[in-house]
Amino acid sequence: MASRLTNQANDAAPDLLPGMGRHRIMLFPRRRTTPRSARDFVAATLTEWGETSHLDEMRLCTSELVTNAVLHGVPVGRLVLVRVESLNAELRIEVHDSGENRPTKRVPEESAVDGRGLLIVAATADSWGVKERTGPGKCVWAAFDRAKNEAAPLPPHTTGPQGDPT
């Protein structure tokens, strides 16, 4: 029986593997609204897990990777899988699609209105890449190192006289 696309995203229940951290996946249809829905999914997942230190960066990378999948990777009638993962050393986003074309980072013309997605991912994430999947397609991922990007505590606020100490 052939699968049917709907306007609703399919939620795969949280998938926790012992000793492997935690992750959650969701399938999305190939639609213009999918990047926004995927950003919301990632933000809701990270917020529920209390993992908000890289929330803005992860939302941005999700948007760019899912947009690329929708525009260039997912054949008509197929779905995009987004996976959010929390491991000891890093937070990670994976975007899986069944398209065969591997994404390439390029330098667009200055006046171009597109072509900067992977440049943004490379500048925002601590690492990113493409990996093969079993079956058709690929997985494009972005990772955020917990130790590297943790915010330093603010110095104590001191008040006192301003000006020349002499």
C-alpha atoms as a PDB file:
ATOM      1  CA  MET A   1       0.000   0.000   0.000  1.00  0.00           C
ATOM      2  CA  ALA A   2       1.449   3.370  -1.005  1.00  0.00           C
ATOM      3  CA  SER A   3       1.972   5.962   1.683  1.00  0.00           C
ATOM      4  CA  ARG A   4       0.044   9.195   1.513  1.00  0.00           C
ATOM      5  CA  LEU A   5       1.446  12.608   2.359  1.00  0.00           C
ATOM      6  CA  THR A   6      -0.558  14.685   4.758  1.00  0.00           C
ATOM      7  CA  ASN A   7      -0.256  18.225   5.970  1.00  0.00           C
ATOM      8  CA  GLN A   8       0.637  16.965   9.419  1.00  0.00           C
ATOM      9  CA  ALA A   9       4.086  15.926  10.605  1.00  0.00           C
ATOM     10  CA  ASN A  10       4.354  12.390  11.907  1.00  0.00           C
ATOM     11  CA  ASP A  11       5.739  12.247  15.418  1.00  0.00           C
ATOM     12  CA  ALA A  12       7.909   9.263  16.202  1.00  0.00           C
ATOM     13  CA  ALA A  13       7.846   8.829  19.968  1.00  0.00           C
ATOM     14  CA  PRO A  14      10.950   9.776  21.925  1.00  0.00           C
ATOM     15  CA  ASP A  15      13.518   7.089  21.418  1.00  0.00           C
ATOM     16  CA  LEU A  16      15.849   6.591  24.350  1.00  0.00           C
ATOM     17  CA  LEU A  17      18.699   4.135  24.097  1.00  0.00           C
ATOM     18  CA  PRO A  18      20.454   3.097  27.321  1.00  0.00           C
ATOM     19  CA  GLY A  19      23.968   4.505  27.503  1.00  0.00           C
ATOM     20  CA  MET A  20      23.589   6.363  24.212  1.00  0.00           C
ATOM     21  CA  GLY A  21      22.222   9.703  25.366  1.00  0.00           C
ATOM     22  CA  ARG A  22      18.783  10.579  24.135  1.00  0.00           C
ATOM     23  CA  HIS A  23      17.262  11.465  20.835  1.00  0.00           C
ATOM     24  CA  ARG A  24      13.949  12.259  19.255  1.00  0.00           C
ATOM     25  CA  ILE A  25      12.914  12.014  15.625  1.00  0.00           C
ATOM     26  CA  MET A  26      10.077  13.390  13.564  1.00  0.00           C
ATOM     27  CA  LEU A  27       9.066  12.940   9.935  1.00  0.00           C
ATOM     28  CA  PHE A  28       7.954  15.933   7.901  1.00  0.00           C
ATOM     29  CA  PRO A  29       6.304  16.181   4.484  1.00  0.00           C
ATOM     30  CA  ARG A  30       8.066  17.943   1.612  1.00  0.00           C
ATOM     31  CA  ARG A  31       6.378  21.341   1.944  1.00  0.00           C
ATOM     32  CA  ARG A  32       7.347  25.016   2.111  1.00  0.00           C
ATOM     33  CA  THR A  33       6.298  25.111   5.753  1.00  0.00           C
ATOM     34  CA  THR A  34       8.535  22.193   6.764  1.00  0.00           C
ATOM     35  CA  PRO A  35      11.590  24.280   7.795  1.00  0.00           C
ATOM     36  CA  ARG A  36       9.444  26.259  10.253  1.00  0.00           C
ATOM     37  CA  SER A  37       7.826  23.101  11.608  1.00  0.00           C
ATOM     38  CA  ALA A  38      11.232  21.446  12.012  1.00  0.00           C
ATOM     39  CA  ARG A  39      12.621  24.499  13.868  1.00  0.00           C
ATOM     40  CA  ASP A  40       9.649  24.369  16.220  1.00  0.00           C
ATOM     41  CA  PHE A  41      10.179  20.627  16.789  1.00  0.00           C
ATOM     42  CA  VAL A  42      13.871  21.134  17.606  1.00  0.00           C
ATOM     43  CA  ALA A  43      13.153  24.081  19.908  1.00  0.00           C
ATOM     44  CA  ALA A  44      10.375  22.235  21.754  1.00  0.00           C
ATOM     45  CA  THR A  45      12.547  19.133  22.173  1.00  0.00           C
ATOM     46  CA  LEU A  46      15.578  21.027  23.448  1.00  0.00           C
ATOM     47  CA  THR A  47      13.460  23.141  25.788  1.00  0.00           C
ATOM     48  CA  GLU A  48      11.761  20.033  27.200  1.00  0.00           C
ATOM     49  CA  TRP A  49      15.199  18.500  27.799  1.00  0.00           C
ATOM     50  CA  GLY A  50      16.506  21.707  29.425  1.00  0.00           C
ATOM     51  CA  GLU A  51      19.101  22.042  26.647  1.00  0.00           C
ATOM     52  CA  THR A  52      18.757  25.714  25.776  1.00  0.00           C
ATOM     53  CA  SER A  53      22.392  26.882  25.680  1.00  0.00           C
ATOM     54  CA  HIS A  54      22.591  26.377  21.887  1.00  0.00           C
ATOM     55  CA  LEU A  55      18.924  26.815  21.063  1.00  0.00           C
ATOM     56  CA  ASP A  56      19.236  29.730  18.615  1.00  0.00           C
ATOM     57  CA  GLU A  57      22.176  28.197  16.748  1.00  0.00           C
ATOM     58  CA  MET A  58      20.449  24.835  16.493  1.00  0.00           C
ATOM     59  CA  ARG A  59      17.245  26.404  15.221  1.00  0.00           C
ATOM     60  CA  LEU A  60      19.206  28.301  12.558  1.00  0.00           C
ATOM     61  CA  CYS A  61      21.083  25.185  11.408  1.00  0.00           C
ATOM     62  CA  THR A  62      17.864  23.158  11.399  1.00  0.00           C
ATOM     63  CA  SER A  63      16.248  25.749   9.177  1.00  0.00           C
ATOM     64  CA  GLU A  64      19.138  25.750   6.711  1.00  0.00           C
ATOM     65  CA  LEU A  65      19.542  21.956   6.565  1.00  0.00           C
ATOM     66  CA  VAL A  66      15.811  21.269   6.228  1.00  0.00           C
ATOM     67  CA  THR A  67      15.416  23.984   3.592  1.00  0.00           C
ATOM     68  CA  ASN A  68      18.207  22.339   1.578  1.00  0.00           C
ATOM     69  CA  ALA A  69      16.532  18.945   1.956  1.00  0.00           C
ATOM     70  CA  VAL A  70      13.154  20.282   0.822  1.00  0.00           C
ATOM     71  CA  LEU A  71      14.574  22.240  -2.122  1.00  0.00           C
ATOM     72  CA  HIS A  72      17.284  19.861  -3.309  1.00  0.00           C
ATOM     73  CA  GLY A  73      17.114  16.496  -1.579  1.00  0.00           C
ATOM     74  CA  VAL A  74      13.630  15.124  -1.075  1.00  0.00           C
ATOM     75  CA  PRO A  75      11.917  13.694  -4.154  1.00  0.00           C
ATOM     76  CA  VAL A  76       8.221  14.469  -4.562  1.00  0.00           C
ATOM     77  CA  GLY A  77       6.104  12.237  -2.333  1.00  0.00           C
ATOM     78  CA  ARG A  78       8.911  11.490   0.115  1.00  0.00           C
ATOM     79  CA  LEU A  79       9.500  12.702   3.683  1.00  0.00           C
ATOM     80  CA  VAL A  80      12.275  14.482   5.591  1.00  0.00           C
ATOM     81  CA  LEU A  81      13.432  12.956   8.872  1.00  0.00           C
ATOM     82  CA  VAL A  82      14.799  15.315  11.537  1.00  0.00           C
ATOM     83  CA  ARG A  83      16.655  13.858  14.501  1.00  0.00           C
ATOM     84  CA  VAL A  84      17.733  15.803  17.599  1.00  0.00           C
ATOM     85  CA  GLU A  85      20.340  14.111  19.774  1.00  0.00           C
ATOM     86  CA  SER A  86      21.800  14.931  23.174  1.00  0.00           C
ATOM     87  CA  LEU A  87      25.048  13.159  23.968  1.00  0.00           C
ATOM     88  CA  ASN A  88      27.573  13.718  26.744  1.00  0.00           C
ATOM     89  CA  ALA A  89      29.923  15.838  24.648  1.00  0.00           C
ATOM     90  CA  GLU A  90      27.597  17.389  22.092  1.00  0.00           C
ATOM     91  CA  LEU A  91      24.171  18.287  20.837  1.00  0.00           C
ATOM     92  CA  ARG A  92      23.452  17.200  17.280  1.00  0.00           C
ATOM     93  CA  ILE A  93      20.883  17.734  14.548  1.00  0.00           C
ATOM     94  CA  GLU A  94      20.518  15.300  11.665  1.00  0.00           C
ATOM     95  CA  VAL A  95      18.409  15.833   8.552  1.00  0.00           C
ATOM     96  CA  HIS A  96      17.800  12.694   6.486  1.00  0.00           C
ATOM     97  CA  ASP A  97      16.386  12.697   2.973  1.00  0.00           C
ATOM     98  CA  SER A  98      16.156  10.156   0.177  1.00  0.00           C
ATOM     99  CA  GLY A  99      17.738  12.325  -2.506  1.00  0.00           C
ATOM    100  CA  GLU A 100      20.985  11.149  -4.063  1.00  0.00           C
ATOM    101  CA  ASN A 101      22.658  14.556  -4.540  1.00  0.00           C
ATOM    102  CA  ARG A 102      25.242  15.374  -1.880  1.00  0.00           C
ATOM    103  CA  PRO A 103      25.174  18.976  -0.674  1.00  0.00           C
ATOM    104  CA  THR A 104      28.196  21.125  -1.384  1.00  0.00           C
ATOM    105  CA  LYS A 105      29.277  24.309   0.304  1.00  0.00           C
ATOM    106  CA  ARG A 106      29.637  27.016  -2.307  1.00  0.00           C
ATOM    107  CA  VAL A 107      30.400  30.695  -2.469  1.00  0.00           C
ATOM    108  CA  PRO A 108      27.485  32.449  -4.140  1.00  0.00           C
ATOM    109  CA  GLU A 109      27.668  35.654  -6.125  1.00  0.00           C
ATOM    110  CA  GLU A 110      27.326  38.718  -3.902  1.00  0.00           C
ATOM    111  CA  SER A 111      23.949  39.576  -5.443  1.00  0.00           C
ATOM    112  CA  ALA A 112      22.585  36.003  -5.204  1.00  0.00           C
ATOM    113  CA  VAL A 113      19.533  35.510  -2.992  1.00  0.00           C
ATOM    114  CA  ASP A 114      20.339  31.888  -2.147  1.00  0.00           C
ATOM    115  CA  GLY A 115      23.264  29.492  -1.852  1.00  0.00           C
ATOM    116  CA  ARG A 116      24.462  30.437   1.629  1.00  0.00           C
ATOM    117  CA  GLY A 117      22.829  27.683   3.712  1.00  0.00           C
ATOM    118  CA  LEU A 118      25.867  25.466   4.236  1.00  0.00           C
ATOM    119  CA  LEU A 119      28.095  28.511   4.739  1.00  0.00           C
ATOM    120  CA  ILE A 120      25.784  29.512   7.585  1.00  0.00           C
ATOM    121  CA  VAL A 121      25.828  25.980   9.024  1.00  0.00           C
ATOM    122  CA  ALA A 122      29.638  25.825   8.795  1.00  0.00           C
ATOM    123  CA  ALA A 123      29.966  29.199  10.529  1.00  0.00           C
ATOM    124  CA  THR A 124      27.425  28.392  13.247  1.00  0.00           C
ATOM    125  CA  ALA A 125      27.979  24.739  14.167  1.00  0.00           C
ATOM    126  CA  ASP A 126      31.179  23.393  15.726  1.00  0.00           C
ATOM    127  CA  SER A 127      31.224  20.664  13.090  1.00  0.00           C
ATOM    128  CA  TRP A 128      29.014  19.416  10.277  1.00  0.00           C
ATOM    129  CA  GLY A 129      29.077  16.827   7.553  1.00  0.00           C
ATOM    130  CA  VAL A 130      27.300  14.351   5.346  1.00  0.00           C
ATOM    131  CA  LYS A 131      27.054  10.629   5.974  1.00  0.00           C
ATOM    132  CA  GLU A 132      25.705   7.760   3.930  1.00  0.00           C
ATOM    133  CA  ARG A 133      22.532   5.970   4.928  1.00  0.00           C
ATOM    134  CA  THR A 134      21.420   2.416   4.456  1.00  0.00           C
ATOM    135  CA  GLY A 135      19.156   2.629   1.442  1.00  0.00           C
ATOM    136  CA  PRO A 136      18.665   5.751  -0.631  1.00  0.00           C
ATOM    137  CA  GLY A 137      19.695   9.216   0.382  1.00  0.00           C
ATOM    138  CA  LYS A 138      21.960  10.814   2.921  1.00  0.00           C
ATOM    139  CA  CYS A 139      22.118  12.412   6.336  1.00  0.00           C
ATOM    140  CA  VAL A 140      23.412  15.964   6.744  1.00  0.00           C
ATOM    141  CA  TRP A 141      24.284  16.832  10.333  1.00  0.00           C
ATOM    142  CA  ALA A 142      25.457  19.708  12.513  1.00  0.00           C
ATOM    143  CA  ALA A 143      26.994  19.280  15.976  1.00  0.00           C
ATOM    144  CA  PHE A 144      27.506  21.670  18.868  1.00  0.00           C
ATOM    145  CA  ASP A 145      30.258  20.945  21.395  1.00  0.00           C
ATOM    146  CA  ARG A 146      29.008  21.447  24.935  1.00  0.00           C
ATOM    147  CA  ALA A 147      32.396  22.356  26.448  1.00  0.00           C
ATOM    148  CA  LYS A 148      33.453  24.724  23.673  1.00  0.00           C
ATOM    149  CA  ASN A 149      30.372  26.901  23.695  1.00  0.00           C
ATOM    150  CA  GLU A 150      29.302  26.961  27.304  1.00  0.00           C
ATOM    151  CA  ALA A 151      28.880  30.534  28.413  1.00  0.00           C
ATOM    152  CA  ALA A 152      31.380  31.704  30.991  1.00  0.00           C
ATOM    153  CA  PRO A 153      29.866  33.036  34.206  1.00  0.00           C
ATOM    154  CA  LEU A 154      29.587  36.778  34.381  1.00  0.00           C
ATOM    155  CA  PRO A 155      32.110  38.504  36.631  1.00  0.00           C
ATOM    156  CA  PRO A 156      30.695  39.881  39.877  1.00  0.00           C
ATOM    157  CA  HIS A 157      29.291  43.346  39.549  1.00  0.00           C
ATOM    158  CA  THR A 158      31.177  45.876  41.597  1.00  0.00           C
ATOM    159  CA  THR A 159      30.210  49.406  42.319  1.00  0.00           C
ATOM    160  CA  GLY A 160      32.498  52.065  43.532  1.00  0.00           C
ATOM    161  CA  PRO A 161      33.926  55.411  42.644  1.00  0.00           C
ATOM    162  CA  GLN A 162      34.665  55.971  38.984  1.00  0.00           C
ATOM    163  CA  GLY A 163      37.628  57.939  37.790  1.00  0.00           C
ATOM    164  CA  ASP A 164      41.303  58.332  38.652  1.00  0.00           C
ATOM    165  CA  PRO A 165      42.316  56.385  41.784  1.00  0.00           C
ATOM    166  CA  THR A 166      44.954  58.995  42.784  1.00  0.00           C
END
